[in-house]
Amino acid sequence: MKAIVIDDIKTREIVEGFAGKYLHAQHLSVGFIDAKAGYTVPVHSHIHEQVSYVQEGEMLFILEGEEFILKAGMAITVAPNLKHGATAITDCKLIDVFNPVREDYK
């Protein structure tokens, strides 16, 4: 593997208002996400274990119906198949880590 410049990775829209660059390793994927204030990732589930870290901004995260306000420096873990979603309260920068690899984001 070689060193990668994240800015060289093509940006992909996840849902309206959420766009990111994804780096894929053998067993995990890392997303570097920009979210616009007021936009939402609808509640959904997937087979991946996920960790979401807020680098900048403030995010409302819903996990199995419970609401969490995540501010810069906070993270949340999501076990596989749990229902979750998020709304950007402010513009945000996030790092999402998924195991196994998000083949659908390649």
PDB file of N, CA and C in Angstrom:
ATOM      1  N   MET A   1       0.840  -1.177   0.000  1.00  0.00           N
ATOM      2  CA  MET A   1       0.000   0.000   0.000  1.00  0.00           C
ATOM      3  C   MET A   1       0.884   1.238   0.000  1.00  0.00           C
ATOM      4  N   LYS A   2       0.389   2.281  -0.601  1.00  0.00           N
ATOM      5  CA  LYS A   2       1.136   3.530  -0.636  1.00  0.00           C
ATOM      6  C   LYS A   2       0.398   4.594   0.169  1.00  0.00           C
ATOM      7  N   ALA A   3       1.097   5.665   0.468  1.00  0.00           N
ATOM      8  CA  ALA A   3       0.461   6.791   1.137  1.00  0.00           C
ATOM      9  C   ALA A   3      -0.549   7.421   0.185  1.00  0.00           C
ATOM     10  N   ILE A   4      -1.645   7.903   0.745  1.00  0.00           N
ATOM     11  CA  ILE A   4      -2.735   8.449  -0.062  1.00  0.00           C
ATOM     12  C   ILE A   4      -3.030   9.871   0.378  1.00  0.00           C
ATOM     13  N   VAL A   5      -3.212  10.744  -0.591  1.00  0.00           N
ATOM     14  CA  VAL A   5      -3.651  12.108  -0.316  1.00  0.00           C
ATOM     15  C   VAL A   5      -5.184  12.091  -0.358  1.00  0.00           C
ATOM     16  N   ILE A   6      -5.799  12.330   0.774  1.00  0.00           N
ATOM     17  CA  ILE A   6      -7.262  12.238   0.862  1.00  0.00           C
ATOM     18  C   ILE A   6      -7.941  13.169  -0.137  1.00  0.00           C
ATOM     19  N   ASP A   7      -7.390  14.346  -0.339  1.00  0.00           N
ATOM     20  CA  ASP A   7      -7.995  15.294  -1.292  1.00  0.00           C
ATOM     21  C   ASP A   7      -7.994  14.764  -2.725  1.00  0.00           C
ATOM     22  N   ASP A   8      -7.162  13.761  -3.020  1.00  0.00           N
ATOM     23  CA  ASP A   8      -7.125  13.168  -4.360  1.00  0.00           C
ATOM     24  C   ASP A   8      -8.231  12.138  -4.590  1.00  0.00           C
ATOM     25  N   ILE A   9      -8.912  11.706  -3.508  1.00  0.00           N
ATOM     26  CA  ILE A   9     -10.002  10.733  -3.640  1.00  0.00           C
ATOM     27  C   ILE A   9     -11.243  11.459  -4.149  1.00  0.00           C
ATOM     28  N   LYS A  10     -11.928  10.841  -5.094  1.00  0.00           N
ATOM     29  CA  LYS A  10     -13.148  11.432  -5.646  1.00  0.00           C
ATOM     30  C   LYS A  10     -14.241  11.494  -4.575  1.00  0.00           C
ATOM     31  N   THR A  11     -14.912  12.630  -4.493  1.00  0.00           N
ATOM     32  CA  THR A  11     -16.013  12.821  -3.557  1.00  0.00           C
ATOM     33  C   THR A  11     -17.275  12.180  -4.115  1.00  0.00           C
ATOM     34  N   ARG A  12     -18.040  11.529  -3.243  1.00  0.00           N
ATOM     35  CA  ARG A  12     -19.315  10.957  -3.657  1.00  0.00           C
ATOM     36  C   ARG A  12     -20.405  11.424  -2.704  1.00  0.00           C
ATOM     37  N   GLU A  13     -21.580  11.708  -3.264  1.00  0.00           N
ATOM     38  CA  GLU A  13     -22.714  12.106  -2.438  1.00  0.00           C
ATOM     39  C   GLU A  13     -23.316  10.857  -1.815  1.00  0.00           C
ATOM     40  N   ILE A  14     -23.528  10.901  -0.504  1.00  0.00           N
ATOM     41  CA  ILE A  14     -24.139   9.781   0.207  1.00  0.00           C
ATOM     42  C   ILE A  14     -25.654   9.955   0.139  1.00  0.00           C
ATOM     43  N   VAL A  15     -26.121  11.081   0.616  1.00  0.00           N
ATOM     44  CA  VAL A  15     -27.486  11.571   0.449  1.00  0.00           C
ATOM     45  C   VAL A  15     -27.345  13.075   0.306  1.00  0.00           C
ATOM     46  N   GLU A  16     -28.405  13.750  -0.103  1.00  0.00           N
ATOM     47  CA  GLU A  16     -28.324  15.197  -0.270  1.00  0.00           C
ATOM     48  C   GLU A  16     -27.824  15.847   1.015  1.00  0.00           C
ATOM     49  N   GLY A  17     -26.797  16.685   0.887  1.00  0.00           N
ATOM     50  CA  GLY A  17     -26.232  17.395   2.025  1.00  0.00           C
ATOM     51  C   GLY A  17     -25.091  16.674   2.718  1.00  0.00           C
ATOM     52  N   PHE A  18     -24.852  15.398   2.374  1.00  0.00           N
ATOM     53  CA  PHE A  18     -23.767  14.615   2.950  1.00  0.00           C
ATOM     54  C   PHE A  18     -22.910  14.076   1.817  1.00  0.00           C
ATOM     55  N   ALA A  19     -21.638  14.470   1.796  1.00  0.00           N
ATOM     56  CA  ALA A  19     -20.725  14.011   0.746  1.00  0.00           C
ATOM     57  C   ALA A  19     -19.411  13.618   1.392  1.00  0.00           C
ATOM     58  N   GLY A  20     -18.747  12.616   0.810  1.00  0.00           N
ATOM     59  CA  GLY A  20     -17.522  12.155   1.426  1.00  0.00           C
ATOM     60  C   GLY A  20     -16.547  11.509   0.472  1.00  0.00           C
ATOM     61  N   LYS A  21     -15.370  11.309   0.991  1.00  0.00           N
ATOM     62  CA  LYS A  21     -14.289  10.607   0.300  1.00  0.00           C
ATOM     63  C   LYS A  21     -14.043   9.339   1.103  1.00  0.00           C
ATOM     64  N   TYR A  22     -13.952   8.202   0.416  1.00  0.00           N
ATOM     65  CA  TYR A  22     -13.817   6.920   1.099  1.00  0.00           C
ATOM     66  C   TYR A  22     -12.504   6.241   0.767  1.00  0.00           C
ATOM     67  N   LEU A  23     -11.832   5.827   1.814  1.00  0.00           N
ATOM     68  CA  LEU A  23     -10.586   5.077   1.718  1.00  0.00           C
ATOM     69  C   LEU A  23     -10.899   3.650   2.147  1.00  0.00           C
ATOM     70  N   HIS A  24     -10.509   2.677   1.324  1.00  0.00           N
ATOM     71  CA  HIS A  24     -10.834   1.281   1.599  1.00  0.00           C
ATOM     72  C   HIS A  24      -9.554   0.480   1.845  1.00  0.00           C
ATOM     73  N   ALA A  25      -9.528  -0.233   2.973  1.00  0.00           N
ATOM     74  CA  ALA A  25      -8.443  -1.148   3.297  1.00  0.00           C
ATOM     75  C   ALA A  25      -8.958  -2.574   3.084  1.00  0.00           C
ATOM     76  N   GLN A  26      -8.203  -3.547   3.524  1.00  0.00           N
ATOM     77  CA  GLN A  26      -8.613  -4.931   3.311  1.00  0.00           C
ATOM     78  C   GLN A  26      -9.894  -5.273   4.080  1.00  0.00           C
ATOM     79  N   HIS A  27     -10.038  -4.763   5.321  1.00  0.00           N
ATOM     80  CA  HIS A  27     -11.161  -5.157   6.163  1.00  0.00           C
ATOM     81  C   HIS A  27     -12.031  -4.006   6.641  1.00  0.00           C
ATOM     82  N   LEU A  28     -11.725  -2.785   6.226  1.00  0.00           N
ATOM     83  CA  LEU A  28     -12.531  -1.659   6.685  1.00  0.00           C
ATOM     84  C   LEU A  28     -12.522  -0.537   5.664  1.00  0.00           C
ATOM     85  N   SER A  29     -13.482   0.362   5.841  1.00  0.00           N
ATOM     86  CA  SER A  29     -13.568   1.573   5.025  1.00  0.00           C
ATOM     87  C   SER A  29     -13.621   2.775   5.959  1.00  0.00           C
ATOM     88  N   VAL A  30     -12.983   3.854   5.541  1.00  0.00           N
ATOM     89  CA  VAL A  30     -12.992   5.100   6.302  1.00  0.00           C
ATOM     90  C   VAL A  30     -13.558   6.186   5.405  1.00  0.00           C
ATOM     91  N   GLY A  31     -14.562   6.902   5.929  1.00  0.00           N
ATOM     92  CA  GLY A  31     -15.165   7.996   5.184  1.00  0.00           C
ATOM     93  C   GLY A  31     -14.817   9.328   5.825  1.00  0.00           C
ATOM     94  N   PHE A  32     -14.450  10.286   5.000  1.00  0.00           N
ATOM     95  CA  PHE A  32     -14.167  11.655   5.435  1.00  0.00           C
ATOM     96  C   PHE A  32     -15.324  12.483   4.894  1.00  0.00           C
ATOM     97  N   ILE A  33     -16.255  12.865   5.761  1.00  0.00           N
ATOM     98  CA  ILE A  33     -17.564  13.357   5.361  1.00  0.00           C
ATOM     99  C   ILE A  33     -17.720  14.844   5.682  1.00  0.00           C
ATOM    100  N   ASP A  34     -18.330  15.561   4.743  1.00  0.00           N
ATOM    101  CA  ASP A  34     -18.790  16.929   4.976  1.00  0.00           C
ATOM    102  C   ASP A  34     -20.309  16.892   4.958  1.00  0.00           C
ATOM    103  N   ALA A  35     -20.929  17.439   6.002  1.00  0.00           N
ATOM    104  CA  ALA A  35     -22.383  17.485   6.097  1.00  0.00           C
ATOM    105  C   ALA A  35     -22.827  18.934   6.221  1.00  0.00           C
ATOM    106  N   LYS A  36     -23.878  19.279   5.490  1.00  0.00           N
ATOM    107  CA  LYS A  36     -24.416  20.641   5.523  1.00  0.00           C
ATOM    108  C   LYS A  36     -25.521  20.737   6.575  1.00  0.00           C
ATOM    109  N   ALA A  37     -25.525  21.848   7.291  1.00  0.00           N
ATOM    110  CA  ALA A  37     -26.525  22.078   8.332  1.00  0.00           C
ATOM    111  C   ALA A  37     -27.933  21.881   7.791  1.00  0.00           C
ATOM    112  N   GLY A  38     -28.752  21.171   8.582  1.00  0.00           N
ATOM    113  CA  GLY A  38     -30.151  20.977   8.240  1.00  0.00           C
ATOM    114  C   GLY A  38     -30.445  19.743   7.406  1.00  0.00           C
ATOM    115  N   TYR A  39     -29.415  19.057   6.933  1.00  0.00           N
ATOM    116  CA  TYR A  39     -29.628  17.867   6.094  1.00  0.00           C
ATOM    117  C   TYR A  39     -29.567  16.596   6.942  1.00  0.00           C
ATOM    118  N   THR A  40     -30.252  15.560   6.453  1.00  0.00           N
ATOM    119  CA  THR A  40     -30.449  14.333   7.223  1.00  0.00           C
ATOM    120  C   THR A  40     -30.057  13.095   6.434  1.00  0.00           C
ATOM    121  N   VAL A  41     -29.438  12.150   7.128  1.00  0.00           N
ATOM    122  CA  VAL A  41     -29.303  10.783   6.627  1.00  0.00           C
ATOM    123  C   VAL A  41     -30.467  10.023   7.261  1.00  0.00           C
ATOM    124  N   PRO A  42     -31.416   9.555   6.459  1.00  0.00           N
ATOM    125  CA  PRO A  42     -32.586   8.870   7.027  1.00  0.00           C
ATOM    126  C   PRO A  42     -32.196   7.644   7.850  1.00  0.00           C
ATOM    127  N   VAL A  43     -33.061   7.280   8.768  1.00  0.00           N
ATOM    128  CA  VAL A  43     -32.829   6.089   9.587  1.00  0.00           C
ATOM    129  C   VAL A  43     -32.720   4.879   8.661  1.00  0.00           C
ATOM    130  N   HIS A  44     -31.687   4.072   8.898  1.00  0.00           N
ATOM    131  CA  HIS A  44     -31.397   2.903   8.069  1.00  0.00           C
ATOM    132  C   HIS A  44     -30.586   1.920   8.903  1.00  0.00           C
ATOM    133  N   SER A  45     -30.268   0.771   8.337  1.00  0.00           N
ATOM    134  CA  SER A  45     -29.377  -0.182   8.990  1.00  0.00           C
ATOM    135  C   SER A  45     -28.548  -0.866   7.906  1.00  0.00           C
ATOM    136  N   HIS A  46     -27.439  -1.471   8.328  1.00  0.00           N
ATOM    137  CA  HIS A  46     -26.566  -2.202   7.417  1.00  0.00           C
ATOM    138  C   HIS A  46     -25.774  -3.226   8.213  1.00  0.00           C
ATOM    139  N   ILE A  47     -25.115  -4.116   7.503  1.00  0.00           N
ATOM    140  CA  ILE A  47     -24.382  -5.213   8.153  1.00  0.00           C
ATOM    141  C   ILE A  47     -23.080  -4.762   8.806  1.00  0.00           C
ATOM    142  N   HIS A  48     -22.685  -3.533   8.562  1.00  0.00           N
ATOM    143  CA  HIS A  48     -21.377  -3.044   9.007  1.00  0.00           C
ATOM    144  C   HIS A  48     -21.414  -2.542  10.445  1.00  0.00           C
ATOM    145  N   GLU A  49     -20.354  -2.830  11.186  1.00  0.00           N
ATOM    146  CA  GLU A  49     -20.108  -2.134  12.434  1.00  0.00           C
ATOM    147  C   GLU A  49     -19.597  -0.749  12.042  1.00  0.00           C
ATOM    148  N   GLN A  50     -20.016   0.286  12.759  1.00  0.00           N
ATOM    149  CA  GLN A  50     -19.668   1.658  12.374  1.00  0.00           C
ATOM    150  C   GLN A  50     -19.249   2.456  13.599  1.00  0.00           C
ATOM    151  N   VAL A  51     -18.251   3.307  13.396  1.00  0.00           N
ATOM    152  CA  VAL A  51     -17.887   4.323  14.380  1.00  0.00           C
ATOM    153  C   VAL A  51     -17.971   5.658  13.659  1.00  0.00           C
ATOM    154  N   SER A  52     -18.704   6.615  14.227  1.00  0.00           N
ATOM    155  CA  SER A  52     -18.806   7.967  13.654  1.00  0.00           C
ATOM    156  C   SER A  52     -18.197   8.958  14.635  1.00  0.00           C
ATOM    157  N   TYR A  53     -17.261   9.755  14.136  1.00  0.00           N
ATOM    158  CA  TYR A  53     -16.535  10.741  14.941  1.00  0.00           C
ATOM    159  C   TYR A  53     -16.786  12.127  14.359  1.00  0.00           C
ATOM    160  N   VAL A  54     -17.184  13.063  15.198  1.00  0.00           N
ATOM    161  CA  VAL A  54     -17.426  14.437  14.767  1.00  0.00           C
ATOM    162  C   VAL A  54     -16.136  15.234  14.961  1.00  0.00           C
ATOM    163  N   GLN A  55     -15.547  15.652  13.843  1.00  0.00           N
ATOM    164  CA  GLN A  55     -14.340  16.487  13.897  1.00  0.00           C
ATOM    165  C   GLN A  55     -14.696  17.941  14.156  1.00  0.00           C
ATOM    166  N   GLU A  56     -15.728  18.407  13.451  1.00  0.00           N
ATOM    167  CA  GLU A  56     -16.176  19.803  13.567  1.00  0.00           C
ATOM    168  C   GLU A  56     -17.688  19.822  13.513  1.00  0.00           C
ATOM    169  N   GLY A  57     -18.286  20.743  14.254  1.00  0.00           N
ATOM    170  CA  GLY A  57     -19.725  20.948  14.182  1.00  0.00           C
ATOM    171  C   GLY A  57     -20.497  20.182  15.225  1.00  0.00           C
ATOM    172  N   GLU A  58     -21.814  20.066  14.960  1.00  0.00           N
ATOM    173  CA  GLU A  58     -22.726  19.429  15.901  1.00  0.00           C
ATOM    174  C   GLU A  58     -23.737  18.606  15.117  1.00  0.00           C
ATOM    175  N   MET A  59     -23.925  17.363  15.534  1.00  0.00           N
ATOM    176  CA  MET A  59     -24.747  16.393  14.814  1.00  0.00           C
ATOM    177  C   MET A  59     -25.746  15.753  15.768  1.00  0.00           C
ATOM    178  N   LEU A  60     -27.013  15.662  15.335  1.00  0.00           N
ATOM    179  CA  LEU A  60     -28.016  14.882  16.055  1.00  0.00           C
ATOM    180  C   LEU A  60     -27.962  13.477  15.479  1.00  0.00           C
ATOM    181  N   PHE A  61     -27.660  12.510  16.317  1.00  0.00           N
ATOM    182  CA  PHE A  61     -27.550  11.118  15.880  1.00  0.00           C
ATOM    183  C   PHE A  61     -28.664  10.333  16.548  1.00  0.00           C
ATOM    184  N   ILE A  62     -29.377   9.523  15.773  1.00  0.00           N
ATOM    185  CA  ILE A  62     -30.447   8.683  16.299  1.00  0.00           C
ATOM    186  C   ILE A  62     -29.995   7.232  16.191  1.00  0.00           C
ATOM    187  N   LEU A  63     -30.028   6.531  17.299  1.00  0.00           N
ATOM    188  CA  LEU A  63     -29.620   5.135  17.345  1.00  0.00           C
ATOM    189  C   LEU A  63     -30.707   4.347  18.060  1.00  0.00           C
ATOM    190  N   GLU A  64     -31.390   3.469  17.295  1.00  0.00           N
ATOM    191  CA  GLU A  64     -32.476   2.654  17.844  1.00  0.00           C
ATOM    192  C   GLU A  64     -33.496   3.526  18.582  1.00  0.00           C
ATOM    193  N   GLY A  65     -33.825   4.689  18.004  1.00  0.00           N
ATOM    194  CA  GLY A  65     -34.839   5.580  18.555  1.00  0.00           C
ATOM    195  C   GLY A  65     -34.346   6.538  19.622  1.00  0.00           C
ATOM    196  N   GLU A  66     -33.142   6.353  20.123  1.00  0.00           N
ATOM    197  CA  GLU A  66     -32.583   7.250  21.142  1.00  0.00           C
ATOM    198  C   GLU A  66     -31.769   8.342  20.453  1.00  0.00           C
ATOM    199  N   GLU A  67     -31.911   9.585  20.918  1.00  0.00           N
ATOM    200  CA  GLU A  67     -31.221  10.719  20.305  1.00  0.00           C
ATOM    201  C   GLU A  67     -29.982  11.113  21.100  1.00  0.00           C
ATOM    202  N   PHE A  68     -28.922  11.406  20.359  1.00  0.00           N
ATOM    203  CA  PHE A  68     -27.658  11.842  20.940  1.00  0.00           C
ATOM    204  C   PHE A  68     -27.197  13.092  20.205  1.00  0.00           C
ATOM    205  N   ILE A  69     -26.786  14.118  20.939  1.00  0.00           N
ATOM    206  CA  ILE A  69     -26.164  15.296  20.333  1.00  0.00           C
ATOM    207  C   ILE A  69     -24.659  15.085  20.421  1.00  0.00           C
ATOM    208  N   LEU A  70     -24.025  14.969  19.251  1.00  0.00           N
ATOM    209  CA  LEU A  70     -22.576  14.791  19.204  1.00  0.00           C
ATOM    210  C   LEU A  70     -21.927  16.099  18.779  1.00  0.00           C
ATOM    211  N   LYS A  71     -20.996  16.568  19.575  1.00  0.00           N
ATOM    212  CA  LYS A  71     -20.241  17.782  19.277  1.00  0.00           C
ATOM    213  C   LYS A  71     -18.819  17.402  18.908  1.00  0.00           C
ATOM    214  N   ALA A  72     -18.080  18.375  18.389  1.00  0.00           N
ATOM    215  CA  ALA A  72     -16.689  18.124  17.987  1.00  0.00           C
ATOM    216  C   ALA A  72     -15.944  17.408  19.102  1.00  0.00           C
ATOM    217  N   GLY A  73     -15.242  16.327  18.720  1.00  0.00           N
ATOM    218  CA  GLY A  73     -14.476  15.538  19.666  1.00  0.00           C
ATOM    219  C   GLY A  73     -15.238  14.349  20.225  1.00  0.00           C
ATOM    220  N   MET A  74     -16.507  14.183  19.833  1.00  0.00           N
ATOM    221  CA  MET A  74     -17.313  13.061  20.314  1.00  0.00           C
ATOM    222  C   MET A  74     -17.491  12.023  19.206  1.00  0.00           C
ATOM    223  N   ALA A  75     -17.756  10.778  19.640  1.00  0.00           N
ATOM    224  CA  ALA A  75     -17.966   9.679  18.700  1.00  0.00           C
ATOM    225  C   ALA A  75     -19.098   8.793  19.209  1.00  0.00           C
ATOM    226  N   ILE A  76     -19.614   7.970  18.302  1.00  0.00           N
ATOM    227  CA  ILE A  76     -20.635   6.995  18.661  1.00  0.00           C
ATOM    228  C   ILE A  76     -20.336   5.703  17.910  1.00  0.00           C
ATOM    229  N   THR A  77     -20.625   4.575  18.539  1.00  0.00           N
ATOM    230  CA  THR A  77     -20.442   3.286  17.889  1.00  0.00           C
ATOM    231  C   THR A  77     -21.809   2.694  17.569  1.00  0.00           C
ATOM    232  N   VAL A  78     -21.868   2.010  16.428  1.00  0.00           N
ATOM    233  CA  VAL A  78     -23.123   1.407  15.966  1.00  0.00           C
ATOM    234  C   VAL A  78     -22.830  -0.060  15.635  1.00  0.00           C
ATOM    235  N   ALA A  79     -23.487  -0.954  16.347  1.00  0.00           N
ATOM    236  CA  ALA A  79     -23.330  -2.381  16.059  1.00  0.00           C
ATOM    237  C   ALA A  79     -24.039  -2.718  14.750  1.00  0.00           C
ATOM    238  N   PRO A  80     -23.655  -3.813  14.107  1.00  0.00           N
ATOM    239  CA  PRO A  80     -24.304  -4.200  12.857  1.00  0.00           C
ATOM    240  C   PRO A  80     -25.823  -4.324  13.019  1.00  0.00           C
ATOM    241  N   ASN A  81     -26.534  -3.903  11.972  1.00  0.00           N
ATOM    242  CA  ASN A  81     -27.986  -4.057  11.836  1.00  0.00           C
ATOM    243  C   ASN A  81     -28.834  -3.188  12.760  1.00  0.00           C
ATOM    244  N   LEU A  82     -28.230  -2.279  13.535  1.00  0.00           N
ATOM    245  CA  LEU A  82     -29.028  -1.366  14.354  1.00  0.00           C
ATOM    246  C   LEU A  82     -29.537  -0.218  13.493  1.00  0.00           C
ATOM    247  N   LYS A  83     -30.754   0.239  13.769  1.00  0.00           N
ATOM    248  CA  LYS A  83     -31.332   1.363  13.027  1.00  0.00           C
ATOM    249  C   LYS A  83     -30.737   2.668  13.541  1.00  0.00           C
ATOM    250  N   HIS A  84     -30.252   3.480  12.594  1.00  0.00           N
ATOM    251  CA  HIS A  84     -29.617   4.739  12.971  1.00  0.00           C
ATOM    252  C   HIS A  84     -29.748   5.747  11.834  1.00  0.00           C
ATOM    253  N   GLY A  85     -29.619   7.006  12.180  1.00  0.00           N
ATOM    254  CA  GLY A  85     -29.650   8.098  11.213  1.00  0.00           C
ATOM    255  C   GLY A  85     -29.055   9.330  11.864  1.00  0.00           C
ATOM    256  N   ALA A  86     -28.964  10.418  11.107  1.00  0.00           N
ATOM    257  CA  ALA A  86     -28.322  11.622  11.647  1.00  0.00           C
ATOM    258  C   ALA A  86     -28.826  12.863  10.923  1.00  0.00           C
ATOM    259  N   THR A  87     -28.815  13.976  11.653  1.00  0.00           N
ATOM    260  CA  THR A  87     -29.109  15.289  11.081  1.00  0.00           C
ATOM    261  C   THR A  87     -28.008  16.244  11.505  1.00  0.00           C
ATOM    262  N   ALA A  88     -27.462  16.963  10.541  1.00  0.00           N
ATOM    263  CA  ALA A  88     -26.434  17.964  10.836  1.00  0.00           C
ATOM    264  C   ALA A  88     -27.112  19.198  11.421  1.00  0.00           C
ATOM    265  N   ILE A  89     -26.800  19.515  12.648  1.00  0.00           N
ATOM    266  CA  ILE A  89     -27.335  20.723  13.286  1.00  0.00           C
ATOM    267  C   ILE A  89     -26.601  21.943  12.743  1.00  0.00           C
ATOM    268  N   THR A  90     -25.288  21.795  12.581  1.00  0.00           N
ATOM    269  CA  THR A  90     -24.452  22.820  11.967  1.00  0.00           C
ATOM    270  C   THR A  90     -23.709  22.142  10.817  1.00  0.00           C
ATOM    271  N   ASP A  91     -22.981  22.903  10.018  1.00  0.00           N
ATOM    272  CA  ASP A  91     -22.075  22.258   9.067  1.00  0.00           C
ATOM    273  C   ASP A  91     -21.110  21.406   9.873  1.00  0.00           C
ATOM    274  N   CYS A  92     -20.824  20.207   9.380  1.00  0.00           N
ATOM    275  CA  CYS A  92     -20.000  19.255  10.128  1.00  0.00           C
ATOM    276  C   CYS A  92     -18.934  18.623   9.251  1.00  0.00           C
ATOM    277  N   LYS A  93     -17.878  18.190   9.892  1.00  0.00           N
ATOM    278  CA  LYS A  93     -16.880  17.307   9.302  1.00  0.00           C
ATOM    279  C   LYS A  93     -16.858  16.066  10.180  1.00  0.00           C
ATOM    280  N   LEU A  94     -16.999  14.903   9.537  1.00  0.00           N
ATOM    281  CA  LEU A  94     -17.099  13.641  10.249  1.00  0.00           C
ATOM    282  C   LEU A  94     -16.086  12.646   9.702  1.00  0.00           C
ATOM    283  N   ILE A  95     -15.738  11.684  10.530  1.00  0.00           N
ATOM    284  CA  ILE A  95     -14.998  10.518  10.074  1.00  0.00           C
ATOM    285  C   ILE A  95     -15.843   9.305  10.444  1.00  0.00           C
ATOM    286  N   ASP A  96     -16.189   8.499   9.439  1.00  0.00           N
ATOM    287  CA  ASP A  96     -16.944   7.272   9.649  1.00  0.00           C
ATOM    288  C   ASP A  96     -16.044   6.091   9.318  1.00  0.00           C
ATOM    289  N   VAL A  97     -16.025   5.097  10.202  1.00  0.00           N
ATOM    290  CA  VAL A  97     -15.254   3.882   9.978  1.00  0.00           C
ATOM    291  C   VAL A  97     -16.233   2.710   9.944  1.00  0.00           C
ATOM    292  N   PHE A  98     -16.078   1.844   8.936  1.00  0.00           N
ATOM    293  CA  PHE A  98     -16.962   0.697   8.754  1.00  0.00           C
ATOM    294  C   PHE A  98     -16.152  -0.591   8.658  1.00  0.00           C
ATOM    295  N   ASN A  99     -16.664  -1.648   9.300  1.00  0.00           N
ATOM    296  CA  ASN A  99     -16.104  -2.985   9.157  1.00  0.00           C
ATOM    297  C   ASN A  99     -17.285  -3.935   8.969  1.00  0.00           C
ATOM    298  N   PRO A 100     -17.302  -4.762   7.929  1.00  0.00           N
ATOM    299  CA  PRO A 100     -16.303  -4.913   6.878  1.00  0.00           C
ATOM    300  C   PRO A 100     -16.339  -3.753   5.892  1.00  0.00           C
ATOM    301  N   VAL A 101     -15.562  -3.878   4.850  1.00  0.00           N
ATOM    302  CA  VAL A 101     -15.458  -2.848   3.805  1.00  0.00           C
ATOM    303  C   VAL A 101     -16.843  -2.527   3.248  1.00  0.00           C
ATOM    304  N   ARG A 102     -17.088  -1.230   2.996  1.00  0.00           N
ATOM    305  CA  ARG A 102     -18.334  -0.802   2.343  1.00  0.00           C
ATOM    306  C   ARG A 102     -18.156  -0.956   0.839  1.00  0.00           C
ATOM    307  N   GLU A 103     -18.428  -2.140   0.333  1.00  0.00           N
ATOM    308  CA  GLU A 103     -18.303  -2.410  -1.101  1.00  0.00           C
ATOM    309  C   GLU A 103     -19.182  -1.457  -1.911  1.00  0.00           C
ATOM    310  N   ASP A 104     -20.341  -1.086  -1.334  1.00  0.00           N
ATOM    311  CA  ASP A 104     -21.267  -0.192  -2.041  1.00  0.00           C
ATOM    312  C   ASP A 104     -20.736   1.233  -2.151  1.00  0.00           C
ATOM    313  N   TYR A 105     -19.690   1.568  -1.429  1.00  0.00           N
ATOM    314  CA  TYR A 105     -19.100   2.909  -1.506  1.00  0.00           C
ATOM    315  C   TYR A 105     -17.828   2.938  -2.345  1.00  0.00           C
ATOM    316  N   LYS A 106     -17.458   1.809  -2.945  1.00  0.00           N
ATOM    317  CA  LYS A 106     -16.274   1.790  -3.811  1.00  0.00           C
ATOM    318  C   LYS A 106     -16.588   2.418  -5.148  1.00  0.00           C
TER     319      LYS A 106
END
